[in-house]
Amino acid sequence: MNKNVGTLDRAARAILGIGLVSIVFVGPQTPWGWIGVILLGTALAGWCPLYRVLGIRTCPLRGPHA
């Protein structure tokens, strides 16, 4: 499982994820806020399965073959 989510993308996912999860407890209290858990998970792991399927990579390549 190679990382495919870059630093800026991870930060944006974490901020948005925290915001979405917070609306479950404060504000409109809609269950849609639980989508933020997925964003937080992909931000922590640095890997997004949807990016893999779509062939997107926001993380710079490392190593001699970069």
PDB file of N, CA and C in Angstrom:
ATOM      1  N   MET A   1       0.856  -1.176   0.000  1.00  0.00           N
ATOM      2  CA  MET A   1       0.000   0.000   0.000  1.00  0.00           C
ATOM      3  C   MET A   1       0.901   1.239   0.000  1.00  0.00           C
ATOM      4  N   ASN A   2       1.183   1.777  -1.174  1.00  0.00           N
ATOM      5  CA  ASN A   2       2.014   2.969  -1.299  1.00  0.00           C
ATOM      6  C   ASN A   2       1.187   4.214  -1.042  1.00  0.00           C
ATOM      7  N   LYS A   3       1.821   5.205  -0.439  1.00  0.00           N
ATOM      8  CA  LYS A   3       1.115   6.456  -0.178  1.00  0.00           C
ATOM      9  C   LYS A   3       0.792   7.140  -1.500  1.00  0.00           C
ATOM     10  N   ASN A   4      -0.417   7.676  -1.597  1.00  0.00           N
ATOM     11  CA  ASN A   4      -0.808   8.393  -2.806  1.00  0.00           C
ATOM     12  C   ASN A   4      -1.482   9.724  -2.477  1.00  0.00           C
ATOM     13  N   VAL A   5      -1.428  10.136  -1.205  1.00  0.00           N
ATOM     14  CA  VAL A   5      -2.027  11.393  -0.771  1.00  0.00           C
ATOM     15  C   VAL A   5      -0.912  12.290  -0.251  1.00  0.00           C
ATOM     16  N   GLY A   6      -0.750  13.458  -0.852  1.00  0.00           N
ATOM     17  CA  GLY A   6       0.301  14.393  -0.483  1.00  0.00           C
ATOM     18  C   GLY A   6       0.002  15.160   0.801  1.00  0.00           C
ATOM     19  N   THR A   7       0.984  15.931   1.240  1.00  0.00           N
ATOM     20  CA  THR A   7       0.896  16.645   2.513  1.00  0.00           C
ATOM     21  C   THR A   7      -0.248  17.651   2.543  1.00  0.00           C
ATOM     22  N   LEU A   8      -0.364  18.467   1.527  1.00  0.00           N
ATOM     23  CA  LEU A   8      -1.432  19.464   1.484  1.00  0.00           C
ATOM     24  C   LEU A   8      -2.805  18.783   1.418  1.00  0.00           C
ATOM     25  N   ASP A   9      -2.904  17.743   0.647  1.00  0.00           N
ATOM     26  CA  ASP A   9      -4.144  16.979   0.528  1.00  0.00           C
ATOM     27  C   ASP A   9      -4.513  16.341   1.869  1.00  0.00           C
ATOM     28  N   ARG A  10      -3.511  15.804   2.578  1.00  0.00           N
ATOM     29  CA  ARG A  10      -3.758  15.188   3.886  1.00  0.00           C
ATOM     30  C   ARG A  10      -4.252  16.219   4.890  1.00  0.00           C
ATOM     31  N   ALA A  11      -3.653  17.401   4.871  1.00  0.00           N
ATOM     32  CA  ALA A  11      -4.075  18.457   5.799  1.00  0.00           C
ATOM     33  C   ALA A  11      -5.509  18.886   5.514  1.00  0.00           C
ATOM     34  N   ALA A  12      -5.840  19.036   4.241  1.00  0.00           N
ATOM     35  CA  ALA A  12      -7.201  19.430   3.868  1.00  0.00           C
ATOM     36  C   ALA A  12      -8.207  18.359   4.283  1.00  0.00           C
ATOM     37  N   ARG A  13      -7.856  17.086   4.081  1.00  0.00           N
ATOM     38  CA  ARG A  13      -8.743  15.995   4.476  1.00  0.00           C
ATOM     39  C   ARG A  13      -8.956  15.973   5.988  1.00  0.00           C
ATOM     40  N   ALA A  14      -7.877  16.204   6.741  1.00  0.00           N
ATOM     41  CA  ALA A  14      -7.982  16.187   8.202  1.00  0.00           C
ATOM     42  C   ALA A  14      -8.875  17.318   8.700  1.00  0.00           C
ATOM     43  N   ILE A  15      -8.685  18.505   8.165  1.00  0.00           N
ATOM     44  CA  ILE A  15      -9.497  19.656   8.582  1.00  0.00           C
ATOM     45  C   ILE A  15     -10.957  19.438   8.220  1.00  0.00           C
ATOM     46  N   LEU A  16     -11.207  19.012   6.999  1.00  0.00           N
ATOM     47  CA  LEU A  16     -12.577  18.761   6.562  1.00  0.00           C
ATOM     48  C   LEU A  16     -13.205  17.604   7.341  1.00  0.00           C
ATOM     49  N   GLY A  17     -12.420  16.571   7.608  1.00  0.00           N
ATOM     50  CA  GLY A  17     -12.912  15.430   8.375  1.00  0.00           C
ATOM     51  C   GLY A  17     -13.306  15.819   9.789  1.00  0.00           C
ATOM     52  N   ILE A  18     -12.480  16.611  10.449  1.00  0.00           N
ATOM     53  CA  ILE A  18     -12.807  17.080  11.795  1.00  0.00           C
ATOM     54  C   ILE A  18     -14.070  17.933  11.764  1.00  0.00           C
ATOM     55  N   GLY A  19     -14.184  18.783  10.760  1.00  0.00           N
ATOM     56  CA  GLY A  19     -15.374  19.617  10.629  1.00  0.00           C
ATOM     57  C   GLY A  19     -16.638  18.796  10.431  1.00  0.00           C
ATOM     58  N   LEU A  20     -16.554  17.767   9.587  1.00  0.00           N
ATOM     59  CA  LEU A  20     -17.727  16.927   9.329  1.00  0.00           C
ATOM     60  C   LEU A  20     -18.123  16.102  10.556  1.00  0.00           C
ATOM     61  N   VAL A  21     -17.134  15.546  11.237  1.00  0.00           N
ATOM     62  CA  VAL A  21     -17.445  14.762  12.433  1.00  0.00           C
ATOM     63  C   VAL A  21     -18.046  15.655  13.510  1.00  0.00           C
ATOM     64  N   SER A  22     -17.595  16.892  13.584  1.00  0.00           N
ATOM     65  CA  SER A  22     -18.119  17.796  14.618  1.00  0.00           C
ATOM     66  C   SER A  22     -19.596  18.121  14.400  1.00  0.00           C
ATOM     67  N   ILE A  23     -20.067  18.104  13.143  1.00  0.00           N
ATOM     68  CA  ILE A  23     -21.487  18.406  12.930  1.00  0.00           C
ATOM     69  C   ILE A  23     -22.403  17.270  13.389  1.00  0.00           C
ATOM     70  N   VAL A  24     -21.814  16.100  13.654  1.00  0.00           N
ATOM     71  CA  VAL A  24     -22.611  15.005  14.205  1.00  0.00           C
ATOM     72  C   VAL A  24     -23.018  15.339  15.637  1.00  0.00           C
ATOM     73  N   PHE A  25     -22.136  16.038  16.349  1.00  0.00           N
ATOM     74  CA  PHE A  25     -22.367  16.336  17.762  1.00  0.00           C
ATOM     75  C   PHE A  25     -22.890  17.749  18.000  1.00  0.00           C
ATOM     76  N   VAL A  26     -22.514  18.687  17.130  1.00  0.00           N
ATOM     77  CA  VAL A  26     -22.903  20.088  17.283  1.00  0.00           C
ATOM     78  C   VAL A  26     -23.523  20.552  15.967  1.00  0.00           C
ATOM     79  N   GLY A  27     -24.478  21.415  16.016  1.00  0.00           N
ATOM     80  CA  GLY A  27     -25.081  21.942  14.794  1.00  0.00           C
ATOM     81  C   GLY A  27     -26.274  21.118  14.356  1.00  0.00           C
ATOM     82  N   PRO A  28     -26.376  20.828  13.054  1.00  0.00           N
ATOM     83  CA  PRO A  28     -27.575  20.137  12.565  1.00  0.00           C
ATOM     84  C   PRO A  28     -27.662  18.671  13.002  1.00  0.00           C
ATOM     85  N   GLN A  29     -26.596  18.104  13.530  1.00  0.00           N
ATOM     86  CA  GLN A  29     -26.547  16.720  14.014  1.00  0.00           C
ATOM     87  C   GLN A  29     -27.052  15.731  12.971  1.00  0.00           C
ATOM     88  N   THR A  30     -26.522  15.850  11.787  1.00  0.00           N
ATOM     89  CA  THR A  30     -26.884  14.958  10.697  1.00  0.00           C
ATOM     90  C   THR A  30     -25.905  13.781  10.628  1.00  0.00           C
ATOM     91  N   PRO A  31     -26.384  12.599  10.299  1.00  0.00           N
ATOM     92  CA  PRO A  31     -25.488  11.448  10.188  1.00  0.00           C
ATOM     93  C   PRO A  31     -24.497  11.556   9.024  1.00  0.00           C
ATOM     94  N   TRP A  32     -24.716  12.454   8.106  1.00  0.00           N
ATOM     95  CA  TRP A  32     -23.777  12.649   6.995  1.00  0.00           C
ATOM     96  C   TRP A  32     -22.396  13.057   7.489  1.00  0.00           C
ATOM     97  N   GLY A  33     -22.331  13.590   8.689  1.00  0.00           N
ATOM     98  CA  GLY A  33     -21.046  13.994   9.248  1.00  0.00           C
ATOM     99  C   GLY A  33     -20.091  12.843   9.471  1.00  0.00           C
ATOM    100  N   TRP A  34     -20.615  11.618   9.552  1.00  0.00           N
ATOM    101  CA  TRP A  34     -19.738  10.465   9.754  1.00  0.00           C
ATOM    102  C   TRP A  34     -18.843  10.196   8.551  1.00  0.00           C
ATOM    103  N   ILE A  35     -19.115  10.820   7.420  1.00  0.00           N
ATOM    104  CA  ILE A  35     -18.222  10.714   6.259  1.00  0.00           C
ATOM    105  C   ILE A  35     -16.845  11.272   6.625  1.00  0.00           C
ATOM    106  N   GLY A  36     -16.824  12.176   7.584  1.00  0.00           N
ATOM    107  CA  GLY A  36     -15.560  12.744   8.052  1.00  0.00           C
ATOM    108  C   GLY A  36     -14.611  11.698   8.614  1.00  0.00           C
ATOM    109  N   VAL A  37     -15.144  10.602   9.126  1.00  0.00           N
ATOM    110  CA  VAL A  37     -14.292   9.522   9.645  1.00  0.00           C
ATOM    111  C   VAL A  37     -13.463   8.924   8.509  1.00  0.00           C
ATOM    112  N   ILE A  38     -14.066   8.794   7.340  1.00  0.00           N
ATOM    113  CA  ILE A  38     -13.344   8.278   6.170  1.00  0.00           C
ATOM    114  C   ILE A  38     -12.227   9.237   5.786  1.00  0.00           C
ATOM    115  N   LEU A  39     -12.533  10.533   5.777  1.00  0.00           N
ATOM    116  CA  LEU A  39     -11.511  11.526   5.439  1.00  0.00           C
ATOM    117  C   LEU A  39     -10.367  11.515   6.454  1.00  0.00           C
ATOM    118  N   LEU A  40     -10.706  11.400   7.728  1.00  0.00           N
ATOM    119  CA  LEU A  40      -9.663  11.341   8.752  1.00  0.00           C
ATOM    120  C   LEU A  40      -8.807  10.083   8.594  1.00  0.00           C
ATOM    121  N   GLY A  41      -9.434   8.977   8.271  1.00  0.00           N
ATOM    122  CA  GLY A  41      -8.689   7.734   8.073  1.00  0.00           C
ATOM    123  C   GLY A  41      -7.724   7.807   6.905  1.00  0.00           C
ATOM    124  N   THR A  42      -8.172   8.367   5.797  1.00  0.00           N
ATOM    125  CA  THR A  42      -7.284   8.486   4.633  1.00  0.00           C
ATOM    126  C   THR A  42      -6.190   9.512   4.881  1.00  0.00           C
ATOM    127  N   ALA A  43      -6.483  10.532   5.682  1.00  0.00           N
ATOM    128  CA  ALA A  43      -5.456  11.522   6.020  1.00  0.00           C
ATOM    129  C   ALA A  43      -4.382  10.893   6.901  1.00  0.00           C
ATOM    130  N   LEU A  44      -4.792  10.091   7.865  1.00  0.00           N
ATOM    131  CA  LEU A  44      -3.829   9.435   8.749  1.00  0.00           C
ATOM    132  C   LEU A  44      -3.008   8.377   8.024  1.00  0.00           C
ATOM    133  N   ALA A  45      -3.643   7.621   7.147  1.00  0.00           N
ATOM    134  CA  ALA A  45      -2.951   6.550   6.431  1.00  0.00           C
ATOM    135  C   ALA A  45      -2.102   7.081   5.278  1.00  0.00           C
ATOM    136  N   GLY A  46      -2.501   8.222   4.699  1.00  0.00           N
ATOM    137  CA  GLY A  46      -1.780   8.744   3.544  1.00  0.00           C
ATOM    138  C   GLY A  46      -2.095   7.981   2.264  1.00  0.00           C
ATOM    139  N   TRP A  47      -3.160   7.211   2.297  1.00  0.00           N
ATOM    140  CA  TRP A  47      -3.537   6.391   1.157  1.00  0.00           C
ATOM    141  C   TRP A  47      -5.041   6.449   0.964  1.00  0.00           C
ATOM    142  N   CYS A  48      -5.471   6.660  -0.272  1.00  0.00           N
ATOM    143  CA  CYS A  48      -6.893   6.750  -0.591  1.00  0.00           C
ATOM    144  C   CYS A  48      -7.224   5.697  -1.650  1.00  0.00           C
ATOM    145  N   PRO A  49      -8.138   4.770  -1.344  1.00  0.00           N
ATOM    146  CA  PRO A  49      -8.476   3.736  -2.322  1.00  0.00           C
ATOM    147  C   PRO A  49      -9.120   4.306  -3.594  1.00  0.00           C
ATOM    148  N   LEU A  50      -9.887   5.387  -3.463  1.00  0.00           N
ATOM    149  CA  LEU A  50     -10.499   5.991  -4.647  1.00  0.00           C
ATOM    150  C   LEU A  50      -9.435   6.595  -5.560  1.00  0.00           C
ATOM    151  N   TYR A  51      -8.411   7.204  -4.977  1.00  0.00           N
ATOM    152  CA  TYR A  51      -7.296   7.721  -5.786  1.00  0.00           C
ATOM    153  C   TYR A  51      -6.628   6.582  -6.538  1.00  0.00           C
ATOM    154  N   ARG A  52      -6.495   5.444  -5.901  1.00  0.00           N
ATOM    155  CA  ARG A  52      -5.872   4.279  -6.532  1.00  0.00           C
ATOM    156  C   ARG A  52      -6.680   3.849  -7.763  1.00  0.00           C
ATOM    157  N   VAL A  53      -7.986   3.769  -7.631  1.00  0.00           N
ATOM    158  CA  VAL A  53      -8.863   3.350  -8.730  1.00  0.00           C
ATOM    159  C   VAL A  53      -8.802   4.350  -9.881  1.00  0.00           C
ATOM    160  N   LEU A  54      -8.788   5.648  -9.527  1.00  0.00           N
ATOM    161  CA  LEU A  54      -8.796   6.696 -10.550  1.00  0.00           C
ATOM    162  C   LEU A  54      -7.403   7.032 -11.084  1.00  0.00           C
ATOM    163  N   GLY A  55      -6.360   6.474 -10.484  1.00  0.00           N
ATOM    164  CA  GLY A  55      -4.991   6.728 -10.931  1.00  0.00           C
ATOM    165  C   GLY A  55      -4.471   8.100 -10.549  1.00  0.00           C
ATOM    166  N   ILE A  56      -4.999   8.658  -9.459  1.00  0.00           N
ATOM    167  CA  ILE A  56      -4.581   9.982  -8.987  1.00  0.00           C
ATOM    168  C   ILE A  56      -3.513   9.807  -7.932  1.00  0.00           C
ATOM    169  N   ARG A  57      -2.526  10.704  -7.940  1.00  0.00           N
ATOM    170  CA  ARG A  57      -1.454  10.668  -6.938  1.00  0.00           C
ATOM    171  C   ARG A  57      -1.063  12.106  -6.636  1.00  0.00           C
ATOM    172  N   THR A  58      -1.260  12.550  -5.390  1.00  0.00           N
ATOM    173  CA  THR A  58      -0.856  13.904  -5.000  1.00  0.00           C
ATOM    174  C   THR A  58       0.417  13.879  -4.162  1.00  0.00           C
ATOM    175  N   CYS A  59       0.940  12.685  -3.929  1.00  0.00           N
ATOM    176  CA  CYS A  59       2.173  12.509  -3.161  1.00  0.00           C
ATOM    177  C   CYS A  59       3.339  12.383  -4.153  1.00  0.00           C
ATOM    178  N   PRO A  60       4.431  13.113  -3.903  1.00  0.00           N
ATOM    179  CA  PRO A  60       5.565  13.007  -4.828  1.00  0.00           C
ATOM    180  C   PRO A  60       6.197  11.618  -4.775  1.00  0.00           C
ATOM    181  N   LEU A  61       6.677  11.159  -5.921  1.00  0.00           N
ATOM    182  CA  LEU A  61       7.331   9.857  -5.994  1.00  0.00           C
ATOM    183  C   LEU A  61       8.707   9.936  -5.336  1.00  0.00           C
ATOM    184  N   ARG A  62       9.111   8.842  -4.680  1.00  0.00           N
ATOM    185  CA  ARG A  62      10.418   8.791  -4.040  1.00  0.00           C
ATOM    186  C   ARG A  62      11.202   7.618  -4.596  1.00  0.00           C
ATOM    187  N   GLY A  63      12.494   7.655  -4.409  1.00  0.00           N
ATOM    188  CA  GLY A  63      13.337   6.532  -4.806  1.00  0.00           C
ATOM    189  C   GLY A  63      14.071   6.807  -6.102  1.00  0.00           C
ATOM    190  N   PRO A  64      14.895   5.863  -6.530  1.00  0.00           N
ATOM    191  CA  PRO A  64      15.721   6.050  -7.726  1.00  0.00           C
ATOM    192  C   PRO A  64      14.931   6.054  -9.034  1.00  0.00           C
ATOM    193  N   HIS A  65      13.728   5.513  -9.025  1.00  0.00           N
ATOM    194  CA  HIS A  65      12.927   5.451 -10.248  1.00  0.00           C
ATOM    195  C   HIS A  65      11.885   6.556 -10.313  1.00  0.00           C
ATOM    196  N   ALA A  66      12.042   7.593  -9.509  1.00  0.00           N
ATOM    197  CA  ALA A  66      11.044   8.693  -9.449  1.00  0.00           C
ATOM    198  C   ALA A  66      11.065   9.526 -10.681  1.00  0.00           C
TER     199      ALA A  66
END
